[in-house]
Amino acid sequence: MTLKMIVASAIMACTVVVHATSWTGYTYSSVSTTAAVKGMYRISERVAAETNGDVDIKIHLGKTLQIKSSDITQAVGDGIVDFAADFFFSGNVPIARVLNLPMLINNDQEWQKAYAAMQPMLEDAFARQDVVLLGGYRYPQQVFFTTFPVNQLSDIKGHKIRVTSPEQGHFVEAFGGLPITLSGSEVPTALERGVIDGVLTASAGGAKKWHEFLPNNYRFAVNYGNSMIIANIDSFEDLDKKDQATLRAIVSEEGENISAEFIEDEKAQMAFQQSKGMTIAMPAESDAKKANDLLRPYWFEWAKDNGPEYEEALALVLKAIGK
């Protein structure tokens, strides 16, 4: 073998062929026009561009893969998908429900402070599921949409209201309502058949799809709903450090963009829904005090029932928001 051939063989042996990392992404939402899904697509596009094609994430809409909404975090941890937005994470990471306690967080500034205080605990909790918490976004505050007129919270007494968490359910019960848990896909049929009389959601959330069944909107804010943007821990650690940092930065930026877009969409959807005949009622002055008086003790009972880690999390949030 000639020297030239030897050198060529050595070069070939040492050459590493770099292939793009292809990830499967998933979101619980099946509607491509929502701020949440648009944001997920932006993340995918930006990651591909800013890693020079090294990381390619293909986003799949809700119901296009055989993954239940309540199982998304588990599916990410198991490596069925590499990347996801999960609104229904609380079954797998229940401590995150501290942020969704009714009447605890009342505005965007409080949310930012509360999330920052909770972030280390949240990251640890997701890590136990073999998941990296990269960021997230929040929906506008959850309010009442009903088939019957509501002008004060006492008007929900005896009515069946669809909720998305036990904590929302406690709020409904506190005012004499009957909480019902259903998946989003079941809501329209349940409204048509009278299985439920209303829902807790946002104008830019569920009401965007269900407004034709819900002629009344009572704008009393119960709590925030939020989604976590997550990745499989092994898939994430397989990326080089630069690509990891790029992904984190993009998710952080786009999470805030999604939240801001939801606020704008909330205003637009309220105006649209009102133009279609929806009656929108502002909160009665006395309802805020009643709700705070009823719900504040529940925060501490809830944390105590769930254990010391939850009490610690609640204390962190209360300190952060000055309550």
Protein backbone atom coordinates (compact mmCIF):
# COMPACT_ATOMS: atom_id res chain seq x y z
CA MET A 1 0.00 0.00 0.00
CA THR A 2 1.39 3.41 -0.94
CA LEU A 3 1.82 6.22 1.56
CA LYS A 4 -0.97 8.14 -0.19
CA MET A 5 -3.34 5.20 0.24
CA ILE A 6 -2.36 4.81 3.89
CA VAL A 7 -3.05 8.49 4.64
CA ALA A 8 -6.37 8.35 2.79
CA SER A 9 -7.45 5.28 4.75
CA ALA A 10 -6.50 6.95 8.05
CA ILE A 11 -8.51 10.05 7.19
CA MET A 12 -11.57 7.97 6.30
CA ALA A 13 -11.28 6.01 9.54
CA CYS A 14 -11.15 9.19 11.62
CA THR A 15 -13.93 11.03 9.84
CA VAL A 16 -17.18 11.30 11.80
CA VAL A 17 -20.29 11.65 9.71
CA VAL A 18 -22.67 14.02 11.44
CA HIS A 19 -26.37 13.45 10.85
CA ALA A 20 -29.14 15.79 11.89
CA THR A 21 -30.93 14.80 15.10
CA SER A 22 -34.57 14.15 14.25
CA TRP A 23 -37.07 14.55 17.08
CA THR A 24 -40.74 13.71 17.26
CA GLY A 25 -42.71 16.57 18.83
CA TYR A 26 -46.29 16.47 20.10
CA THR A 27 -48.92 18.87 21.40
CA TYR A 28 -52.24 18.16 23.10
CA SER A 29 -53.99 20.72 20.87
CA SER A 30 -55.58 19.52 17.64
CA VAL A 31 -56.23 23.06 16.35
CA SER A 32 -53.36 24.41 14.27
CA THR A 33 -54.56 28.03 14.46
CA THR A 34 -54.19 28.48 18.22
CA ALA A 35 -51.39 30.63 19.64
CA ALA A 36 -50.03 27.52 21.38
CA VAL A 37 -49.65 25.44 18.23
CA LYS A 38 -48.33 28.35 16.18
CA GLY A 39 -45.72 28.82 18.88
CA MET A 40 -44.71 25.17 18.78
CA TYR A 41 -44.23 25.42 15.02
CA ARG A 42 -42.09 28.53 15.52
CA ILE A 43 -39.94 26.66 18.02
CA SER A 44 -39.42 23.87 15.50
CA GLU A 45 -38.54 26.30 12.70
CA ARG A 46 -36.20 28.39 14.84
CA VAL A 47 -34.39 25.37 16.29
CA ALA A 48 -33.73 24.03 12.79
CA ALA A 49 -32.47 27.42 11.60
CA GLU A 50 -30.39 28.31 14.66
CA THR A 51 -28.72 24.89 14.92
CA ASN A 52 -27.96 24.94 11.16
CA GLY A 53 -30.19 21.91 10.69
CA ASP A 54 -28.53 19.85 13.43
CA VAL A 55 -31.84 19.48 15.32
CA ASP A 56 -35.06 18.82 13.42
CA ILE A 57 -38.33 18.65 15.39
CA LYS A 58 -41.46 17.48 13.61
CA ILE A 59 -44.54 18.67 15.50
CA HIS A 60 -47.59 16.39 15.57
CA LEU A 61 -51.00 17.78 16.56
CA GLY A 62 -53.17 16.29 19.28
CA LYS A 63 -54.92 13.02 18.37
CA THR A 64 -52.58 12.36 15.42
CA LEU A 65 -50.54 10.01 17.62
CA GLN A 66 -51.91 7.31 19.92
CA ILE A 67 -51.18 9.32 23.08
CA LYS A 68 -53.85 10.41 25.55
CA SER A 69 -53.68 14.03 26.67
CA SER A 70 -53.17 12.88 30.26
CA ASP A 71 -50.22 10.67 29.24
CA ILE A 72 -48.04 13.20 27.38
CA THR A 73 -45.44 13.68 30.11
CA GLN A 74 -45.20 9.90 30.54
CA ALA A 75 -44.84 9.45 26.76
CA VAL A 76 -41.96 11.94 26.74
CA GLY A 77 -40.30 10.24 29.69
CA ASP A 78 -40.65 6.85 28.00
CA GLY A 79 -39.11 8.21 24.78
CA ILE A 80 -42.24 7.65 22.68
CA VAL A 81 -41.86 11.30 21.70
CA ASP A 82 -38.83 13.51 22.28
CA PHE A 83 -40.48 16.90 22.75
CA ALA A 84 -43.95 18.09 23.73
CA ALA A 85 -46.26 20.74 25.10
CA ASP A 86 -48.37 19.33 27.92
CA PHE A 87 -51.39 21.07 29.46
CA PHE A 88 -52.45 17.94 31.37
CA PHE A 89 -49.15 17.34 33.18
CA SER A 90 -50.52 17.54 36.72
CA GLY A 91 -51.39 13.85 36.92
CA ASN A 92 -47.71 13.01 36.46
CA VAL A 93 -46.27 16.05 38.25
CA PRO A 94 -48.96 16.97 40.80
CA ILE A 95 -46.84 19.45 42.75
CA ALA A 96 -47.11 21.80 39.76
CA ARG A 97 -50.79 22.24 40.65
CA VAL A 98 -49.70 24.72 43.33
CA LEU A 99 -49.61 27.28 40.52
CA ASN A 100 -53.23 26.49 39.61
CA LEU A 101 -54.79 26.83 43.06
CA PRO A 102 -57.95 28.97 42.74
CA MET A 103 -57.63 32.61 43.81
CA LEU A 104 -53.91 32.23 44.63
CA ILE A 105 -52.35 33.98 41.62
CA ASN A 106 -54.34 36.96 40.38
CA ASN A 107 -52.32 38.63 37.62
CA ASP A 108 -49.42 38.15 35.21
CA GLN A 109 -46.88 39.78 37.52
CA GLU A 110 -47.78 37.40 40.35
CA TRP A 111 -47.56 34.48 37.92
CA GLN A 112 -44.00 35.42 36.90
CA LYS A 113 -42.88 35.65 40.52
CA ALA A 114 -44.63 32.44 41.56
CA TYR A 115 -43.25 30.43 38.64
CA ALA A 116 -39.71 31.67 39.28
CA ALA A 117 -39.99 30.63 42.93
CA MET A 118 -41.29 27.18 41.98
CA GLN A 119 -39.00 26.54 39.01
CA PRO A 120 -36.27 24.51 40.79
CA MET A 121 -38.88 22.25 42.38
CA LEU A 122 -40.69 21.84 39.07
CA GLU A 123 -37.48 20.92 37.26
CA ASP A 124 -36.70 18.29 39.91
CA ALA A 125 -40.23 16.87 39.74
CA PHE A 126 -40.14 16.53 35.95
CA ALA A 127 -36.63 15.05 36.10
CA ARG A 128 -38.05 12.22 38.23
CA GLN A 129 -40.19 11.41 35.20
CA ASP A 130 -37.07 11.31 32.95
CA VAL A 131 -38.13 14.63 31.47
CA VAL A 132 -36.36 17.99 31.10
CA LEU A 133 -38.55 21.01 31.78
CA LEU A 134 -37.56 23.61 29.18
CA GLY A 135 -40.24 26.25 29.74
CA GLY A 136 -43.90 26.82 29.13
CA TYR A 137 -46.74 29.24 28.54
CA ARG A 138 -49.98 30.20 30.21
CA TYR A 139 -53.50 30.72 29.03
CA PRO A 140 -55.52 33.74 30.10
CA GLN A 141 -57.31 33.31 33.41
CA GLN A 142 -60.05 30.69 33.52
CA VAL A 143 -63.59 32.11 33.66
CA PHE A 144 -67.15 30.77 33.44
CA PHE A 145 -68.95 30.04 30.17
CA THR A 146 -72.46 28.74 30.71
CA THR A 147 -75.76 27.79 29.13
CA PHE A 148 -77.59 29.79 31.84
CA PRO A 149 -77.28 33.44 32.93
CA VAL A 150 -74.65 34.19 35.60
CA ASN A 151 -74.34 37.57 37.29
CA GLN A 152 -72.70 36.43 40.50
CA LEU A 153 -70.97 33.28 41.69
CA SER A 154 -73.99 32.09 43.67
CA ASP A 155 -75.80 31.64 40.34
CA ILE A 156 -73.79 28.47 39.62
CA LYS A 157 -75.45 26.68 42.55
CA GLY A 158 -76.91 23.37 41.42
CA HIS A 159 -75.34 23.57 37.96
CA LYS A 160 -72.86 21.10 36.45
CA ILE A 161 -69.59 22.78 35.47
CA ARG A 162 -66.78 21.09 33.55
CA VAL A 163 -63.43 21.57 35.29
CA THR A 164 -59.89 20.54 34.38
CA SER A 165 -58.51 19.90 37.87
CA PRO A 166 -59.65 18.90 41.37
CA GLU A 167 -58.72 22.40 42.51
CA GLN A 168 -61.13 24.03 40.06
CA GLY A 169 -63.65 21.47 41.23
CA HIS A 170 -63.25 22.64 44.82
CA PHE A 171 -63.97 26.21 43.75
CA VAL A 172 -67.16 25.15 41.98
CA GLU A 173 -68.27 23.15 45.02
CA ALA A 174 -67.57 26.13 47.30
CA PHE A 175 -70.33 28.01 45.49
CA GLY A 176 -72.76 25.11 45.33
CA GLY A 177 -71.94 23.91 41.81
CA LEU A 178 -71.32 20.35 40.69
CA PRO A 179 -67.86 19.83 39.11
CA ILE A 180 -67.60 17.40 36.20
CA THR A 181 -64.33 16.22 34.64
CA LEU A 182 -64.41 15.58 30.88
CA SER A 183 -61.87 15.60 28.07
CA GLY A 184 -62.07 18.52 25.66
CA SER A 185 -63.41 16.31 22.88
CA GLU A 186 -66.39 15.34 25.05
CA VAL A 187 -67.45 18.90 25.86
CA PRO A 188 -69.64 19.77 22.81
CA THR A 189 -71.72 16.59 23.07
CA ALA A 190 -72.00 16.97 26.86
CA LEU A 191 -73.32 20.53 26.41
CA GLU A 192 -75.81 19.43 23.76
CA ARG A 193 -77.14 16.62 25.94
CA GLY A 194 -77.23 18.64 29.16
CA VAL A 195 -74.58 16.51 30.84
CA ILE A 196 -72.90 19.80 31.78
CA ASP A 197 -74.25 23.35 32.02
CA GLY A 198 -70.99 25.20 31.62
CA VAL A 199 -67.20 25.14 31.58
CA LEU A 200 -64.26 26.92 33.13
CA THR A 201 -61.97 28.03 30.32
CA ALA A 202 -60.72 31.14 28.48
CA SER A 203 -62.22 32.99 25.51
CA ALA A 204 -59.02 32.16 23.62
CA GLY A 205 -59.03 28.61 24.98
CA GLY A 206 -61.95 26.19 24.97
CA ALA A 207 -64.51 28.90 24.27
CA LYS A 208 -62.86 29.50 20.91
CA LYS A 209 -64.21 26.09 19.86
CA TRP A 210 -67.34 25.80 22.01
CA HIS A 211 -68.80 29.32 22.05
CA GLU A 212 -71.82 28.34 19.94
CA PHE A 213 -73.01 26.13 22.81
CA LEU A 214 -72.31 28.73 25.52
CA PRO A 215 -74.37 31.93 25.34
CA ASN A 216 -73.16 33.38 28.66
CA ASN A 217 -69.73 34.40 29.94
CA TYR A 218 -69.13 35.47 33.54
CA ARG A 219 -65.69 37.08 33.71
CA PHE A 220 -64.76 36.05 37.24
CA ALA A 221 -61.17 34.75 37.13
CA VAL A 222 -60.74 31.51 39.07
CA ASN A 223 -57.16 30.54 38.24
CA TYR A 224 -54.57 30.27 35.48
CA GLY A 225 -54.10 27.28 33.23
CA ASN A 226 -50.63 26.61 31.86
CA SER A 227 -48.71 24.23 29.64
CA MET A 228 -45.21 22.88 30.15
CA ILE A 229 -42.78 22.45 27.25
CA ILE A 230 -40.68 19.37 27.89
CA ALA A 231 -38.11 17.01 26.36
CA ASN A 232 -37.02 13.43 26.95
CA ILE A 233 -33.95 13.57 29.18
CA ASP A 234 -31.87 11.14 27.08
CA SER A 235 -32.74 12.89 23.81
CA PHE A 236 -31.83 16.24 25.37
CA GLU A 237 -28.53 15.01 26.80
CA ASP A 238 -27.59 13.51 23.43
CA LEU A 239 -27.51 17.05 22.00
CA ASP A 240 -24.26 18.95 22.24
CA LYS A 241 -24.13 21.71 24.84
CA LYS A 242 -24.51 24.48 22.29
CA ASP A 243 -27.67 22.96 20.83
CA GLN A 244 -29.06 22.39 24.33
CA ALA A 245 -28.54 26.07 25.14
CA THR A 246 -30.10 27.13 21.85
CA LEU A 247 -33.19 24.98 22.45
CA ARG A 248 -33.61 26.30 26.00
CA ALA A 249 -33.32 29.92 24.85
CA ILE A 250 -35.81 29.50 22.01
CA VAL A 251 -38.38 27.72 24.22
CA SER A 252 -38.05 30.45 26.86
CA GLU A 253 -38.59 33.23 24.32
CA GLU A 254 -41.42 31.53 22.46
CA GLY A 255 -43.16 30.54 25.70
CA GLU A 256 -43.45 34.21 26.60
CA ASN A 257 -44.53 35.03 23.05
CA ILE A 258 -47.32 32.44 23.22
CA SER A 259 -48.52 33.82 26.56
CA ALA A 260 -48.58 37.36 25.15
CA GLU A 261 -50.42 36.23 22.01
CA PHE A 262 -53.04 34.52 24.15
CA ILE A 263 -53.71 37.80 25.97
CA GLU A 264 -54.29 39.57 22.66
CA ASP A 265 -56.38 36.70 21.33
CA GLU A 266 -58.47 36.76 24.50
CA LYS A 267 -59.55 40.32 23.72
CA ALA A 268 -60.24 39.48 20.08
CA GLN A 269 -62.23 36.35 20.93
CA MET A 270 -64.30 38.16 23.56
CA ALA A 271 -65.26 40.78 20.97
CA PHE A 272 -66.04 38.10 18.38
CA GLN A 273 -68.10 36.00 20.79
CA GLN A 274 -70.05 39.05 21.92
CA SER A 275 -70.74 39.93 18.28
CA LYS A 276 -72.24 36.45 17.86
CA GLY A 277 -74.69 37.07 20.69
CA MET A 278 -72.80 35.94 23.78
CA THR A 279 -73.79 37.84 26.93
CA ILE A 280 -70.69 38.92 28.83
CA ALA A 281 -71.08 39.85 32.50
CA MET A 282 -68.37 41.49 34.59
CA PRO A 283 -67.70 40.17 38.12
CA ALA A 284 -69.95 41.32 40.93
CA GLU A 285 -68.04 43.53 43.38
CA SER A 286 -68.75 41.28 46.35
CA ASP A 287 -67.61 38.05 44.68
CA ALA A 288 -63.86 38.62 45.00
CA LYS A 289 -63.99 38.93 48.80
CA LYS A 290 -66.34 35.95 49.12
CA ALA A 291 -64.09 33.80 46.94
CA ASN A 292 -60.90 34.82 48.75
CA ASP A 293 -62.45 34.18 52.16
CA LEU A 294 -63.64 30.73 51.06
CA LEU A 295 -60.55 29.64 49.15
CA ARG A 296 -57.61 30.90 51.20
CA PRO A 297 -58.01 28.21 53.92
CA TYR A 298 -58.21 25.61 51.17
CA TRP A 299 -54.69 26.41 49.95
CA PHE A 300 -53.22 25.37 53.30
CA GLU A 301 -55.51 22.34 53.70
CA TRP A 302 -54.58 21.20 50.20
CA ALA A 303 -50.85 21.53 50.85
CA LYS A 304 -51.04 19.80 54.24
CA ASP A 305 -53.05 16.89 52.80
CA ASN A 306 -50.42 16.40 50.07
CA GLY A 307 -47.36 16.51 52.32
CA PRO A 308 -44.36 18.63 53.39
CA GLU A 309 -43.05 19.19 49.85
CA TYR A 310 -46.36 20.79 48.89
CA GLU A 311 -46.36 22.94 52.03
CA GLU A 312 -42.86 24.10 51.10
CA ALA A 313 -43.97 24.90 47.55
CA LEU A 314 -47.00 26.87 48.74
CA ALA A 315 -44.84 28.81 51.21
CA LEU A 316 -42.39 29.69 48.41
CA VAL A 317 -45.20 30.99 46.20
CA LEU A 318 -46.88 32.96 48.98
CA LYS A 319 -43.58 34.62 49.89
CA ALA A 320 -42.83 35.41 46.25
CA ILE A 321 -46.17 37.13 45.63
CA GLY A 322 -46.42 38.77 49.05
CA LYS A 323 -49.42 36.92 50.40
